[in-house]
Protein backbone atom coordinates (compact mmCIF):
# COMPACT_ATOMS: atom_id res chain seq x y z
CA MET A 1 -62.95 30.01 21.06
CA LYS A 2 -60.24 31.54 18.88
CA VAL A 3 -57.21 33.38 20.19
CA SER A 4 -54.39 35.18 18.38
CA ARG A 5 -51.31 37.02 19.56
CA ARG A 6 -50.47 36.80 23.27
CA SER A 7 -53.07 35.27 25.56
CA LEU A 8 -53.50 33.28 28.77
CA LEU A 9 -56.13 30.91 30.05
CA SER A 10 -55.72 29.99 33.68
CA ALA A 11 -57.43 28.98 36.88
CA GLY A 12 -55.89 31.89 38.81
CA ALA A 13 -57.95 34.21 41.00
CA LEU A 14 -58.22 37.97 40.56
CA LEU A 15 -58.48 40.41 43.44
CA SER A 16 -60.48 43.23 41.83
CA ALA A 17 -63.05 43.45 39.11
CA THR A 18 -65.44 45.69 37.22
CA PRO A 19 -69.01 44.60 38.14
CA LEU A 20 -71.73 43.78 35.61
CA THR A 21 -75.19 45.21 36.08
CA ALA A 22 -76.89 44.91 32.69
CA LEU A 23 -76.20 41.27 31.94
CA ALA A 24 -79.02 38.81 32.60
CA ALA A 25 -78.01 35.29 33.56
CA ASN A 26 -79.93 32.07 32.95
CA VAL A 27 -82.18 33.45 30.23
CA THR A 28 -82.81 32.01 26.79
CA SER A 29 -82.27 35.26 24.87
CA ASP A 30 -78.95 36.13 23.28
CA GLN A 31 -76.67 38.10 25.61
CA THR A 32 -73.91 38.90 23.10
CA THR A 33 -74.58 42.65 22.79
CA ARG A 34 -74.65 43.22 26.55
CA LEU A 35 -71.57 41.14 27.27
CA GLN A 36 -69.64 42.77 24.44
CA ALA A 37 -70.48 46.18 25.87
CA ALA A 38 -69.21 45.06 29.28
CA ILE A 39 -65.98 43.77 27.72
CA ASP A 40 -65.41 47.05 25.89
CA LEU A 41 -66.11 49.08 29.02
CA ALA A 42 -63.71 47.03 31.14
CA ALA A 43 -61.01 47.21 28.47
CA THR A 44 -61.10 51.00 28.50
CA GLY A 45 -61.46 51.21 32.29
CA SER A 46 -60.04 48.99 35.00
CA GLY A 47 -58.99 46.26 32.59
CA VAL A 48 -60.74 43.64 34.74
CA LEU A 49 -64.19 42.16 34.17
CA SER A 50 -66.02 40.05 36.77
CA LEU A 51 -68.69 37.78 35.33
CA PRO A 52 -71.19 36.37 37.87
CA ALA A 53 -72.43 32.80 38.00
CA GLY A 54 -75.02 31.94 35.40
CA ARG A 55 -75.58 30.60 31.90
CA TYR A 56 -75.14 33.14 29.09
CA GLN A 57 -76.01 32.53 25.45
CA VAL A 58 -73.46 34.39 23.31
CA SER A 59 -71.53 34.23 20.05
CA GLY A 60 -68.89 36.24 18.24
CA LEU A 61 -67.50 38.10 21.25
CA GLN A 62 -64.33 40.11 20.56
CA ILE A 63 -61.39 41.14 22.72
CA ASN A 64 -58.93 43.58 21.14
CA ALA A 65 -57.23 45.12 24.19
CA PRO A 66 -55.50 43.88 27.35
CA LEU A 67 -58.11 42.43 29.69
CA GLN A 68 -58.70 40.05 32.59
CA ILE A 69 -61.98 38.16 32.78
CA VAL A 70 -62.85 36.17 35.89
CA GLY A 71 -65.90 34.02 36.49
CA VAL A 72 -67.09 31.60 39.14
CA PRO A 73 -65.41 28.25 38.37
CA GLY A 74 -67.96 25.73 37.15
CA GLN A 75 -70.83 28.22 37.46
CA THR A 76 -70.13 30.95 34.90
CA ILE A 77 -70.99 29.32 31.59
CA LEU A 78 -70.89 30.87 28.11
CA ILE A 79 -73.02 28.87 25.68
CA ALA A 80 -72.45 28.97 21.92
CA GLU A 81 -75.34 30.07 19.72
CA ASP A 82 -75.76 27.51 16.92
CA ARG A 83 -72.27 26.09 17.59
CA ALA A 84 -70.69 29.42 16.58
CA THR A 85 -67.37 30.71 17.91
CA ILE A 86 -67.94 32.14 21.37
CA LEU A 87 -64.92 34.42 21.73
CA THR A 88 -62.14 35.73 19.47
CA ILE A 89 -59.05 37.47 20.84
CA GLU A 90 -56.76 39.18 18.35
CA ASP A 91 -54.17 41.91 17.89
CA THR A 92 -53.57 42.37 21.61
CA ARG A 93 -51.41 41.23 24.49
CA GLN A 94 -51.95 40.09 28.08
CA VAL A 95 -55.41 38.58 28.08
CA ASP A 96 -56.11 36.44 31.15
CA ILE A 97 -59.28 34.33 31.37
CA SER A 98 -60.14 32.24 34.44
CA GLY A 99 -63.15 30.61 36.00
CA LEU A 100 -65.21 30.41 32.79
CA THR A 101 -66.86 27.43 31.13
CA PHE A 102 -67.31 27.49 27.33
CA GLU A 103 -70.04 25.15 26.13
CA GLY A 104 -70.85 24.14 22.54
CA GLY A 105 -68.96 24.23 19.25
CA ASP A 106 -66.86 21.56 17.57
CA ASN A 107 -63.46 22.81 18.80
CA GLY A 108 -62.42 23.92 22.24
CA LEU A 109 -59.62 26.46 21.81
CA VAL A 110 -57.98 27.60 18.57
CA LEU A 111 -54.85 29.78 18.70
CA SER A 112 -52.88 31.50 15.95
CA LYS A 113 -49.48 33.16 16.46
CA SER A 114 -50.02 33.13 20.22
CA GLY A 115 -47.75 33.00 23.22
CA GLY A 116 -48.36 32.76 26.96
CA ARG A 117 -49.77 29.85 28.96
CA ILE A 118 -52.78 27.58 28.66
CA PHE A 119 -52.96 25.84 32.03
CA ASN A 120 -55.27 24.23 34.60
CA ASN A 121 -58.18 23.89 32.16
CA GLU A 122 -60.54 21.04 31.37
CA PHE A 123 -61.40 20.28 27.74
CA ARG A 124 -64.12 17.68 27.25
CA LEU A 125 -66.68 16.46 24.75
CA GLN A 126 -65.29 18.44 21.80
CA ALA A 127 -66.53 16.94 18.52
CA LYS A 128 -63.28 17.78 16.68
CA THR A 129 -60.20 19.06 18.54
CA ALA A 130 -59.74 20.19 22.13
CA LEU A 131 -56.83 22.61 21.60
CA HIS A 132 -55.27 23.63 18.27
CA ALA A 133 -52.22 25.95 18.27
CA ARG A 134 -50.73 27.16 14.99
CA ASP A 135 -47.52 29.17 14.50
CA SER A 136 -47.06 29.74 18.21
CA LYS A 137 -44.62 32.15 19.82
CA GLY A 138 -43.34 30.81 23.12
CA LEU A 139 -46.50 28.91 24.11
CA GLU A 140 -46.84 26.67 27.17
CA ILE A 141 -49.65 24.11 27.41
CA SER A 142 -49.58 22.53 30.85
CA ARG A 143 -51.63 20.85 33.59
CA ASN A 144 -54.78 20.57 31.46
CA HIS A 145 -57.24 17.68 31.47
CA VAL A 146 -58.32 16.72 27.94
CA HIS A 147 -60.81 13.89 27.58
CA ASP A 148 -63.59 12.41 25.48
CA ILE A 149 -62.60 14.15 22.25
CA GLY A 150 -63.82 13.35 18.73
CA ASN A 151 -60.62 13.65 16.66
CA ASN A 152 -57.47 15.04 18.34
CA GLY A 153 -56.56 16.19 21.82
CA ILE A 154 -53.77 18.80 21.55
CA GLN A 155 -52.43 19.92 18.16
CA VAL A 156 -49.23 21.98 17.75
CA TRP A 157 -48.82 22.93 14.09
CA THR A 158 -46.95 25.39 11.94
CA SER A 159 -48.04 26.59 8.50
CA THR A 160 -44.64 25.62 7.08
CA ARG A 161 -41.76 23.71 8.63
CA ALA A 162 -40.36 26.14 11.17
CA GLU A 163 -39.14 26.52 14.74
CA ASP A 164 -42.07 26.71 17.14
CA GLY A 165 -40.80 25.98 20.64
CA THR A 166 -44.12 25.13 22.28
CA GLN A 167 -43.91 23.16 25.54
CA VAL A 168 -46.64 20.57 26.16
CA THR A 169 -46.12 19.33 29.70
CA ASN A 170 -47.92 17.64 32.59
CA ASN A 171 -51.27 17.26 30.85
CA ARG A 172 -53.71 14.38 31.19
CA VAL A 173 -55.16 13.28 27.84
CA GLU A 174 -57.58 10.36 27.58
CA ARG A 175 -60.27 8.85 25.37
CA VAL A 176 -59.54 10.41 21.99
CA ALA A 177 -61.46 8.95 19.05
CA ALA A 178 -61.00 9.25 15.28
CA THR A 179 -64.55 10.20 14.38
CA ASP A 180 -63.58 11.61 10.98
CA GLY A 181 -61.43 8.58 10.11
CA GLY A 182 -58.21 8.84 8.10
CA SER A 183 -54.86 7.10 8.41
CA GLY A 184 -53.48 9.01 11.36
CA GLN A 185 -54.72 12.56 10.88
CA ASN A 186 -57.17 11.92 13.70
CA GLY A 187 -57.25 9.87 16.86
CA ASN A 188 -54.09 11.28 18.48
CA GLY A 189 -53.61 12.51 22.02
CA ILE A 190 -50.88 15.06 21.18
CA ASN A 191 -50.12 15.85 17.53
CA VAL A 192 -47.11 17.89 16.35
CA TYR A 193 -47.13 18.83 12.65
CA ARG A 194 -44.18 20.63 11.01
CA ALA A 195 -43.48 22.48 14.29
CA GLY A 196 -39.84 22.37 15.34
CA ASN A 197 -38.18 22.43 18.78
CA VAL A 198 -41.35 21.29 20.54
CA LEU A 199 -41.10 19.67 23.98
CA VAL A 200 -43.69 17.01 24.90
CA SER A 201 -42.96 15.82 28.42
CA ASN A 202 -44.45 14.25 31.55
CA ASN A 203 -47.95 13.83 30.12
CA ARG A 204 -50.31 10.96 30.95
CA ILE A 205 -52.00 9.77 27.76
CA SER A 206 -54.34 6.83 27.36
CA ASP A 207 -57.09 5.29 25.23
CA CYS A 208 -56.37 6.91 21.85
CA ALA A 209 -57.69 5.50 18.59
CA TYR A 210 -54.32 6.09 16.92
CA SER A 211 -51.21 7.50 18.65
CA ALA A 212 -50.63 8.99 22.07
CA ILE A 213 -47.95 11.30 20.61
CA ARG A 214 -47.53 11.78 16.85
CA ASN A 215 -44.77 14.02 15.50
CA ASN A 216 -45.15 14.50 11.74
CA SER A 217 -42.25 16.46 10.17
CA GLY A 218 -41.34 18.38 13.32
CA SER A 219 -37.54 18.65 13.67
CA ASN A 220 -35.50 18.83 16.88
CA CYS A 221 -38.45 17.74 19.02
CA GLN A 222 -38.15 16.03 22.40
CA ILE A 223 -40.61 13.44 23.72
CA LEU A 224 -39.63 12.76 27.31
CA GLY A 225 -41.00 11.05 30.40
CA ASN A 226 -44.56 10.45 29.23
CA SER A 227 -46.81 7.69 30.59
CA ILE A 228 -48.84 5.97 27.85
CA ALA A 229 -51.41 3.18 27.85
CA ARG A 230 -53.94 1.64 25.47
CA THR A 231 -53.40 3.09 22.02
CA ASP A 232 -54.75 1.31 18.94
CA GLU A 233 -51.75 2.18 16.76
CA VAL A 234 -48.17 3.31 17.44
CA ALA A 235 -47.92 4.89 20.90
CA ILE A 236 -45.11 7.33 19.95
CA TYR A 237 -44.76 8.08 16.25
CA VAL A 238 -41.92 10.18 14.80
CA GLU A 239 -42.52 10.23 11.07
CA PHE A 240 -42.07 11.84 7.65
CA SER A 241 -39.53 14.59 7.06
CA PHE A 242 -38.26 15.22 10.60
CA GLU A 243 -34.58 15.80 11.32
CA GLY A 244 -33.63 15.33 14.93
CA ALA A 245 -35.69 13.73 17.70
CA VAL A 246 -35.12 12.52 21.25
CA VAL A 247 -37.53 9.89 22.59
CA SER A 248 -36.45 9.06 26.12
CA ASN A 249 -37.64 7.79 29.50
CA ASN A 250 -41.21 7.10 28.44
CA MET A 251 -43.35 4.38 30.02
CA ILE A 252 -45.48 2.58 27.42
CA ALA A 253 -47.75 -0.37 28.21
CA GLY A 254 -50.64 -2.24 26.65
CA VAL A 255 -50.52 -0.64 23.19
CA ALA A 256 -50.65 -1.97 19.64
CA PHE A 257 -47.08 -0.83 18.83
CA GLY A 258 -44.53 0.96 20.98
CA ILE A 259 -42.24 3.51 19.29
CA SER A 260 -41.73 4.08 15.55
CA ILE A 261 -39.07 6.46 14.16
CA THR A 262 -39.64 6.16 10.46
CA ASN A 263 -40.00 7.47 6.89
CA PHE A 264 -36.38 7.65 5.78
CA ASN A 265 -37.96 7.58 2.30
CA GLU A 266 -39.34 11.07 3.10
CA GLY A 267 -36.12 12.31 4.69
CA GLY A 268 -36.95 11.29 8.27
CA ARG A 269 -33.68 10.82 10.14
CA LEU A 270 -31.50 11.47 13.17
CA ALA A 271 -32.80 10.36 16.57
CA VAL A 272 -31.95 9.02 19.99
CA CYS A 273 -34.33 6.49 21.52
CA SER A 274 -33.16 5.67 25.03
CA GLY A 275 -34.27 4.72 28.51
CA ASN A 276 -37.83 3.78 27.56
CA VAL A 277 -39.83 0.94 29.09
CA VAL A 278 -42.07 -0.66 26.46
CA ARG A 279 -44.14 -3.68 27.44
CA ASN A 280 -47.19 -5.78 26.62
CA ILE A 281 -47.34 -4.91 22.92
CA THR A 282 -50.42 -6.49 21.44
CA GLY A 283 -50.46 -5.65 17.72
CA GLY A 284 -53.43 -3.83 16.24
CA GLN A 285 -55.80 -3.61 13.32
CA THR A 286 -55.62 0.11 12.47
CA GLN A 287 -55.47 0.61 8.67
CA GLY A 288 -54.65 -3.07 8.24
CA VAL A 289 -51.37 -2.80 10.18
CA THR A 290 -51.21 -5.76 12.52
CA THR A 291 -47.54 -5.89 13.57
CA GLY A 292 -46.87 -5.71 17.28
CA GLY A 293 -43.36 -4.33 17.74
CA GLY A 294 -41.60 -2.61 20.62
CA ILE A 295 -39.21 -0.07 19.02
CA TYR A 296 -38.52 0.55 15.32
CA ALA A 297 -36.17 2.96 13.52
CA GLU A 298 -34.81 3.51 10.00
CA ALA A 299 -31.99 6.06 9.75
CA ASP A 300 -29.20 7.67 11.79
CA THR A 301 -30.67 6.50 15.09
CA LEU A 302 -29.21 5.24 18.35
CA ILE A 303 -31.48 2.79 20.22
CA SER A 304 -29.96 2.34 23.65
CA ASN A 305 -30.69 1.25 27.22
CA ASN A 306 -34.36 0.50 26.64
CA VAL A 307 -36.37 -2.33 28.17
CA VAL A 308 -38.80 -4.11 25.84
CA GLU A 309 -40.89 -6.91 27.32
CA ASN A 310 -43.62 -9.09 25.84
CA ALA A 311 -43.90 -7.64 22.36
CA ARG A 312 -46.02 -9.92 20.26
CA ASP A 313 -43.82 -9.90 17.13
CA PHE A 314 -40.44 -8.29 17.82
CA GLY A 315 -38.60 -6.25 20.43
CA ILE A 316 -36.50 -3.95 18.23
CA GLY A 317 -36.78 -3.47 14.46
CA MET A 318 -33.92 -1.92 12.47
CA GLY A 319 -34.70 -0.74 8.95
CA TRP A 320 -37.10 -1.67 6.18
CA GLY A 321 -35.65 -2.98 2.92
CA PRO A 322 -33.12 -0.39 1.65
CA TYR A 323 -34.35 2.17 4.19
CA CYS A 324 -31.72 1.28 6.75
CA ARG A 325 -28.74 3.52 7.52
CA ASN A 326 -26.47 4.10 10.50
CA LEU A 327 -28.55 2.21 13.04
CA SER A 328 -27.20 1.14 16.41
CA ALA A 329 -28.89 -0.95 19.11
CA GLN A 330 -26.81 -1.05 22.28
CA GLY A 331 -27.38 -2.03 25.88
CA ASN A 332 -31.05 -2.93 25.54
CA LEU A 333 -32.90 -5.59 27.53
CA ILE A 334 -35.33 -7.49 25.31
CA LYS A 335 -37.42 -10.08 27.08
CA ASP A 336 -40.17 -12.52 26.08
CA CYS A 337 -40.69 -11.26 22.52
CA ALA A 338 -41.36 -13.49 19.51
CA THR A 339 -38.14 -12.23 17.91
CA GLY A 340 -35.64 -10.15 19.84
CA ILE A 341 -34.17 -7.95 17.09
CA MET A 342 -35.09 -7.78 13.40
CA VAL A 343 -32.50 -6.09 11.16
CA SER A 344 -32.74 -5.32 7.45
CA VAL A 345 -30.17 -7.10 5.24
CA SER A 346 -31.95 -6.30 1.97
CA GLY A 347 -30.07 -5.05 -1.06
CA GLY A 348 -29.21 -1.39 -0.46
CA ALA A 349 -29.44 -1.63 3.32
CA GLY A 350 -26.74 0.21 5.23
CA GLN A 351 -24.69 -0.86 8.22
CA SER A 352 -26.35 -1.81 11.52
CA HIS A 353 -24.53 -2.18 14.84
CA ILE A 354 -26.00 -4.55 17.46
CA ALA A 355 -23.93 -4.73 20.63
CA GLY A 356 -24.19 -5.41 24.33
CA ASN A 357 -27.88 -6.32 24.34
CA ILE A 358 -29.49 -8.91 26.59
CA ILE A 359 -32.10 -11.00 24.79
CA ARG A 360 -34.07 -13.49 26.86
CA GLY A 361 -36.99 -15.75 26.04
CA ALA A 362 -37.19 -15.03 22.30
CA ARG A 363 -39.70 -17.56 21.00
CA ASN A 364 -38.60 -17.57 17.34
CA ALA A 365 -35.10 -16.11 17.16
CA SER A 366 -32.90 -13.73 19.09
CA ILE A 367 -31.68 -11.75 16.04
CA THR A 368 -32.99 -12.20 12.49
CA GLY A 369 -31.92 -10.69 9.16
CA MET A 370 -34.92 -9.45 7.19
CA ASP A 371 -35.83 -8.58 3.61
CA HIS A 372 -38.87 -6.41 4.28
CA LEU A 373 -41.33 -8.81 5.95
CA GLU A 374 -39.41 -11.99 5.13
CA PRO A 375 -36.78 -13.59 7.40
CA VAL A 376 -33.79 -14.44 5.18
CA THR A 377 -31.25 -15.66 7.74
CA GLY A 378 -31.18 -18.07 10.59
CA ASP A 379 -30.80 -16.90 14.17
CA LEU A 380 -27.82 -14.54 14.03
CA GLY A 381 -27.47 -14.74 17.79
CA ALA A 382 -26.79 -18.47 17.69
CA ALA A 383 -23.29 -19.85 17.95
CA GLY A 384 -21.63 -20.26 14.55
CA ALA A 385 -24.24 -18.22 12.67
CA LYS A 386 -23.15 -16.67 9.35
CA ILE A 387 -23.40 -12.89 9.83
CA PRO A 388 -24.28 -10.68 6.82
CA ASP A 389 -21.68 -8.06 5.92
CA VAL A 390 -24.06 -5.17 6.73
CA VAL A 391 -24.50 -6.33 10.36
CA LEU A 392 -21.92 -5.91 13.11
CA LEU A 393 -22.65 -8.05 16.19
CA LYS A 394 -20.72 -7.79 19.42
CA ASP A 395 -21.08 -8.89 23.04
CA ASN A 396 -24.82 -9.70 22.96
CA VAL A 397 -26.12 -12.06 25.62
CA VAL A 398 -28.76 -14.54 24.47
CA ARG A 399 -30.66 -16.72 26.94
CA ALA A 400 -33.66 -19.00 26.54
């Protein structure tokens, strides 16, 4: 299904409708011509079309005028002919669709330059993507159930880096594979690409081949209050040329890696990472990356008031070689991690501030200076340790 301009998909009921008399349900012949005629008639008449229960084989349906279509939930089924697009909506406003099931095709819903609300829908068994929205205009995607998807759950993209403003809230996304492979293009629960000012909040996301939430080059995005479990790569990824991100109050458990705010080499910078609970970080094998870390950042980022527990390799990572600038880790609780905090002290690394953290049960070291993957200092949290000039330590509490 493809939608452009302003449209709505909902589970709402309608009180009046234009009846169908010519459409034959539960037959094997193509019903496109008859259903298109009914759509056109309703669009020029009452503006409401009631579609009875049944299975209808159709393809290439068009809506070009304001219209409401209502079916019988779970019983009015439109079936794609040869995996073709079932319905295209374009150059119109105020289209409301409820109570219909769309069956067949690789993608569930594709939108271009659309606004309105996509809510209370179920997307399942799509071979490619459940919902793809490009260049949206005030779009809300909420209270949908997305599951058993081949490549990506919900995609919010823009053609170029631009403000988008889509809100992705209160959805349940689970079991997303990466059938077409790649290094992160696929396998994500919610994927933001170049779209700015996007809100991703209060979603439950689990069992993704790559990330639960991946923001690639989307500036001024907020990722808030999501519940995440069982991802095979980084649970929340903020990467490439983003400027501005808030990652706060998320619950992350049982994933390969917790939160990564990265790619200063591509201009990625400026974030707050606060109030998250990140625990039971296992490490993973995706694309040969095996590190199991809790929270990682590279540039102009405040990491504060998080709890990281039982990360296989480190609790908090600060910088990578020279890609380390204006990093601050304050007021975090880091418990039962191999190393509490890793901080870059490589040539070219900028200043890092590590203050007021509680580090308990670090198996290797509480705080270690790093040159890329190599530890190059002793435990900086130990009494009498020599502190590199690029690291400011203050009031950290270290306990066995």
